[in-house]
Protein backbone atom coordinates (compact mmCIF):
# COMPACT_ATOMS: atom_id res chain seq x y z
CA UNK A 1 9.82 39.93 21.56
CA UNK A 2 8.10 42.15 24.34
CA UNK A 3 8.39 41.08 28.17
CA UNK A 4 5.24 40.94 30.21
CA UNK A 5 2.86 44.38 29.90
CA UNK A 6 5.19 46.08 26.79
CA UNK A 7 3.84 47.01 23.47
CA UNK A 8 5.29 46.08 20.20
CA UNK A 9 4.41 48.06 17.34
CA UNK A 10 3.38 49.12 14.84
CA UNK A 11 4.40 45.62 13.16
CA UNK A 12 4.20 45.09 9.15
CA UNK A 13 2.20 41.89 9.46
CA UNK A 14 4.25 40.10 6.76
CA UNK A 15 7.41 40.27 9.33
CA UNK A 16 5.70 38.15 11.78
CA UNK A 17 6.14 34.74 12.71
CA UNK A 18 3.67 32.88 10.69
CA UNK A 19 1.99 31.55 13.95
CA UNK A 20 1.47 34.91 15.38
CA UNK A 21 0.10 36.43 11.63
CA UNK A 22 -2.88 34.27 12.14
CA UNK A 23 -3.90 34.89 15.51
CA UNK A 24 -3.43 38.77 14.65
CA UNK A 25 -5.58 38.21 11.43
CA UNK A 26 -8.84 36.79 13.11
CA UNK A 27 -8.51 39.26 16.55
CA UNK A 28 -10.15 42.19 16.61
CA UNK A 29 -8.79 45.17 18.94
CA UNK A 30 -8.84 45.15 22.69
CA UNK A 31 -9.34 41.38 21.89
CA UNK A 32 -7.33 39.19 24.64
CA UNK A 33 -6.49 36.16 22.83
CA UNK A 34 -5.79 32.65 24.57
CA UNK A 35 -1.95 31.64 25.48
CA UNK A 36 -0.45 30.32 22.09
CA UNK A 37 3.07 28.67 22.13
CA UNK A 38 4.87 30.42 19.49
CA UNK A 39 8.65 29.21 19.46
CA UNK A 40 10.00 28.74 22.38
CA UNK A 41 7.76 31.01 23.82
CA UNK A 42 3.69 31.06 25.61
CA UNK A 43 2.29 34.45 24.38
CA UNK A 44 -0.81 35.83 25.27
CA UNK A 45 -1.65 38.24 22.31
CA UNK A 46 -3.89 41.39 22.44
CA UNK A 47 -4.56 43.78 19.01
CA UNK A 48 -4.49 47.17 20.34
CA UNK A 49 -5.37 48.75 17.09
CA UNK A 50 -4.99 47.68 13.05
CA UNK A 51 -3.61 50.65 11.05
CA UNK A 52 -3.74 49.87 6.99
CA UNK A 53 -0.55 50.22 4.97
CA UNK A 54 -0.52 53.03 2.59
CA UNK A 55 0.96 52.70 -1.32
CA UNK A 56 2.80 56.06 -1.79
CA UNK A 57 2.60 56.07 -5.48
CA UNK A 58 6.32 58.54 -5.64
CA UNK A 59 8.24 55.67 -4.40
CA UNK A 60 6.12 52.44 -4.98
CA UNK A 61 6.59 50.99 -1.62
CA UNK A 62 3.87 49.89 1.00
CA UNK A 63 4.84 52.76 3.68
CA UNK A 64 3.85 52.29 7.23
CA UNK A 65 1.52 55.64 8.87
CA UNK A 66 4.44 55.58 11.44
CA UNK A 67 7.29 57.55 9.49
CA UNK A 68 10.44 56.09 9.67
CA UNK A 69 9.72 52.41 10.69
CA UNK A 70 9.72 49.98 7.67
CA UNK A 71 8.84 50.34 3.86
CA UNK A 72 9.64 53.49 2.13
CA UNK A 73 13.10 54.82 2.06
CA UNK A 74 13.91 58.55 3.69
CA UNK A 75 13.49 60.28 0.30
CA UNK A 76 9.93 58.91 -0.01
CA UNK A 77 8.59 61.47 0.70
CA UNK A 78 6.06 60.27 3.38
């Protein structure tokens, strides 16, 4: 979890808390959400940008546009 003013991401939506996932799936870029309780924290979420995942047929994994995050092994070619 980020501290006040920090950005987090890119993040695979499948790795998020289900409540945070629900907020982000209906958010539009730059939209500021209302305060929400997630676990012991209260968060205010703003979606900066949504980057679609890409499937790399060479490795069969869903790969992030940012290399080296999650999803693809190093030899994937992405």
